[in-house]
Protein backbone atom coordinates (compact mmCIF):
# COMPACT_ATOMS: atom_id res chain seq x y z
CA UNK A 1 0.00 0.00 0.00
CA UNK A 2 1.20 3.50 -0.78
CA UNK A 3 0.80 6.03 1.99
CA UNK A 4 0.22 9.70 1.19
CA UNK A 5 3.59 10.86 2.50
CA UNK A 6 2.68 14.55 2.43
CA UNK A 7 -0.40 13.92 4.56
CA UNK A 8 1.64 11.79 6.97
CA UNK A 9 4.28 14.53 7.29
CA UNK A 10 1.66 17.24 7.84
CA UNK A 11 -0.03 15.21 10.58
CA UNK A 12 3.33 14.47 12.18
CA UNK A 13 4.15 18.18 12.07
CA UNK A 14 0.84 19.13 13.67
CA UNK A 15 1.74 16.84 16.56
CA UNK A 16 5.43 17.82 16.63
CA UNK A 17 6.25 14.15 16.10
CA UNK A 18 9.56 12.85 14.86
CA UNK A 19 9.97 9.58 12.98
CA UNK A 20 10.97 8.06 16.31
CA UNK A 21 7.76 9.25 18.00
CA UNK A 22 5.56 7.96 15.15
CA UNK A 23 7.40 4.65 15.31
CA UNK A 24 6.74 4.40 19.04
CA UNK A 25 3.06 5.35 18.74
CA UNK A 26 2.38 3.06 15.78
CA UNK A 27 4.58 0.13 16.87
CA UNK A 28 6.32 0.27 13.48
CA UNK A 29 10.11 0.44 13.15
CA UNK A 30 11.84 3.74 12.43
CA UNK A 31 13.45 2.10 9.41
CA UNK A 32 10.02 1.18 7.97
CA UNK A 33 8.71 4.72 8.48
CA UNK A 34 11.83 6.14 6.81
CA UNK A 35 11.25 3.83 3.84
CA UNK A 36 7.62 4.95 3.61
CA UNK A 37 8.74 8.61 3.67
CA UNK A 38 11.07 7.74 0.78
CA UNK A 39 8.07 6.53 -1.25
CA UNK A 40 8.18 2.79 -0.62
CA UNK A 41 5.03 0.70 -0.24
CA UNK A 42 4.08 -1.00 3.01
CA UNK A 43 1.80 -3.78 4.17
CA UNK A 44 -1.85 -3.08 4.99
CA UNK A 45 -1.11 -3.84 8.66
CA UNK A 46 1.66 -1.23 8.81
CA UNK A 47 -0.49 1.37 7.04
CA UNK A 48 -3.34 0.70 9.48
CA UNK A 49 -1.05 1.10 12.50
CA UNK A 50 0.27 4.42 11.21
CA UNK A 51 -3.22 5.71 10.42
CA UNK A 52 -4.44 4.70 13.87
CA UNK A 53 -1.49 6.42 15.56
CA UNK A 54 -2.19 9.60 13.57
CA UNK A 55 -5.89 9.48 14.45
CA UNK A 56 -7.24 9.07 10.91
CA UNK A 57 -8.83 6.25 8.93
CA UNK A 58 -6.78 4.04 6.65
CA UNK A 59 -8.45 5.36 3.45
CA UNK A 60 -7.60 8.94 4.53
CA UNK A 61 -3.92 8.01 4.80
CA UNK A 62 -3.60 6.19 1.50
CA UNK A 63 -2.31 7.81 -1.65
CA UNK A 64 -5.05 8.53 -4.18
CA UNK A 65 -4.61 7.76 -7.88
CA UNK A 66 -6.61 9.27 -10.72
CA UNK A 67 -5.86 7.97 -14.21
CA UNK A 68 -2.22 7.47 -13.27
CA UNK A 69 -1.78 10.96 -11.83
CA UNK A 70 -1.08 11.16 -8.13
CA UNK A 71 -3.25 13.61 -6.20
CA UNK A 72 -2.97 14.48 -2.55
CA UNK A 73 -6.20 15.17 -0.71
CA UNK A 74 -6.16 17.23 2.44
C-alpha atoms as a PDB file:
ATOM      1  CA  UNK A   1       0.000   0.000   0.000  1.00  0.00           C
ATOM      2  CA  UNK A   2       1.196   3.499  -0.785  1.00  0.00           C
ATOM      3  CA  UNK A   3       0.804   6.030   1.986  1.00  0.00           C
ATOM      4  CA  UNK A   4       0.224   9.697   1.195  1.00  0.00           C
ATOM      5  CA  UNK A   5       3.593  10.861   2.503  1.00  0.00           C
ATOM      6  CA  UNK A   6       2.684  14.545   2.433  1.00  0.00           C
ATOM      7  CA  UNK A   7      -0.397  13.918   4.557  1.00  0.00           C
ATOM      8  CA  UNK A   8       1.643  11.787   6.972  1.00  0.00           C
ATOM      9  CA  UNK A   9       4.276  14.528   7.290  1.00  0.00           C
ATOM     10  CA  UNK A  10       1.663  17.236   7.844  1.00  0.00           C
ATOM     11  CA  UNK A  11      -0.031  15.205  10.577  1.00  0.00           C
ATOM     12  CA  UNK A  12       3.333  14.465  12.180  1.00  0.00           C
ATOM     13  CA  UNK A  13       4.153  18.184  12.070  1.00  0.00           C
ATOM     14  CA  UNK A  14       0.843  19.134  13.672  1.00  0.00           C
ATOM     15  CA  UNK A  15       1.735  16.841  16.564  1.00  0.00           C
ATOM     16  CA  UNK A  16       5.427  17.823  16.627  1.00  0.00           C
ATOM     17  CA  UNK A  17       6.249  14.146  16.103  1.00  0.00           C
ATOM     18  CA  UNK A  18       9.559  12.849  14.856  1.00  0.00           C
ATOM     19  CA  UNK A  19       9.970   9.580  12.981  1.00  0.00           C
ATOM     20  CA  UNK A  20      10.971   8.059  16.309  1.00  0.00           C
ATOM     21  CA  UNK A  21       7.757   9.245  17.999  1.00  0.00           C
ATOM     22  CA  UNK A  22       5.557   7.961  15.146  1.00  0.00           C
ATOM     23  CA  UNK A  23       7.401   4.653  15.310  1.00  0.00           C
ATOM     24  CA  UNK A  24       6.737   4.401  19.043  1.00  0.00           C
ATOM     25  CA  UNK A  25       3.063   5.353  18.740  1.00  0.00           C
ATOM     26  CA  UNK A  26       2.375   3.056  15.778  1.00  0.00           C
ATOM     27  CA  UNK A  27       4.582   0.130  16.869  1.00  0.00           C
ATOM     28  CA  UNK A  28       6.322   0.270  13.483  1.00  0.00           C
ATOM     29  CA  UNK A  29      10.107   0.438  13.146  1.00  0.00           C
ATOM     30  CA  UNK A  30      11.840   3.744  12.426  1.00  0.00           C
ATOM     31  CA  UNK A  31      13.445   2.103   9.406  1.00  0.00           C
ATOM     32  CA  UNK A  32      10.024   1.184   7.972  1.00  0.00           C
ATOM     33  CA  UNK A  33       8.713   4.716   8.476  1.00  0.00           C
ATOM     34  CA  UNK A  34      11.828   6.143   6.815  1.00  0.00           C
ATOM     35  CA  UNK A  35      11.252   3.828   3.837  1.00  0.00           C
ATOM     36  CA  UNK A  36       7.616   4.954   3.608  1.00  0.00           C
ATOM     37  CA  UNK A  37       8.736   8.611   3.673  1.00  0.00           C
ATOM     38  CA  UNK A  38      11.066   7.744   0.776  1.00  0.00           C
ATOM     39  CA  UNK A  39       8.073   6.530  -1.249  1.00  0.00           C
ATOM     40  CA  UNK A  40       8.176   2.788  -0.620  1.00  0.00           C
ATOM     41  CA  UNK A  41       5.031   0.697  -0.236  1.00  0.00           C
ATOM     42  CA  UNK A  42       4.082  -1.002   3.010  1.00  0.00           C
ATOM     43  CA  UNK A  43       1.803  -3.782   4.173  1.00  0.00           C
ATOM     44  CA  UNK A  44      -1.846  -3.079   4.994  1.00  0.00           C
ATOM     45  CA  UNK A  45      -1.113  -3.840   8.656  1.00  0.00           C
ATOM     46  CA  UNK A  46       1.659  -1.229   8.812  1.00  0.00           C
ATOM     47  CA  UNK A  47      -0.488   1.369   7.037  1.00  0.00           C
ATOM     48  CA  UNK A  48      -3.339   0.697   9.482  1.00  0.00           C
ATOM     49  CA  UNK A  49      -1.046   1.102  12.503  1.00  0.00           C
ATOM     50  CA  UNK A  50       0.272   4.418  11.215  1.00  0.00           C
ATOM     51  CA  UNK A  51      -3.223   5.707  10.416  1.00  0.00           C
ATOM     52  CA  UNK A  52      -4.443   4.697  13.867  1.00  0.00           C
ATOM     53  CA  UNK A  53      -1.495   6.420  15.559  1.00  0.00           C
ATOM     54  CA  UNK A  54      -2.193   9.597  13.567  1.00  0.00           C
ATOM     55  CA  UNK A  55      -5.889   9.475  14.445  1.00  0.00           C
ATOM     56  CA  UNK A  56      -7.238   9.071  10.912  1.00  0.00           C
ATOM     57  CA  UNK A  57      -8.834   6.251   8.935  1.00  0.00           C
ATOM     58  CA  UNK A  58      -6.783   4.039   6.648  1.00  0.00           C
ATOM     59  CA  UNK A  59      -8.446   5.363   3.450  1.00  0.00           C
ATOM     60  CA  UNK A  60      -7.597   8.936   4.531  1.00  0.00           C
ATOM     61  CA  UNK A  61      -3.916   8.005   4.800  1.00  0.00           C
ATOM     62  CA  UNK A  62      -3.596   6.189   1.496  1.00  0.00           C
ATOM     63  CA  UNK A  63      -2.312   7.812  -1.651  1.00  0.00           C
ATOM     64  CA  UNK A  64      -5.045   8.529  -4.176  1.00  0.00           C
ATOM     65  CA  UNK A  65      -4.608   7.763  -7.880  1.00  0.00           C
ATOM     66  CA  UNK A  66      -6.607   9.270 -10.716  1.00  0.00           C
ATOM     67  CA  UNK A  67      -5.860   7.970 -14.215  1.00  0.00           C
ATOM     68  CA  UNK A  68      -2.221   7.466 -13.272  1.00  0.00           C
ATOM     69  CA  UNK A  69      -1.778  10.956 -11.829  1.00  0.00           C
ATOM     70  CA  UNK A  70      -1.084  11.157  -8.130  1.00  0.00           C
ATOM     71  CA  UNK A  71      -3.249  13.610  -6.204  1.00  0.00           C
ATOM     72  CA  UNK A  72      -2.974  14.480  -2.549  1.00  0.00           C
ATOM     73  CA  UNK A  73      -6.199  15.167  -0.711  1.00  0.00           C
ATOM     74  CA  UNK A  74      -6.162  17.232   2.441  1.00  0.00           C
END
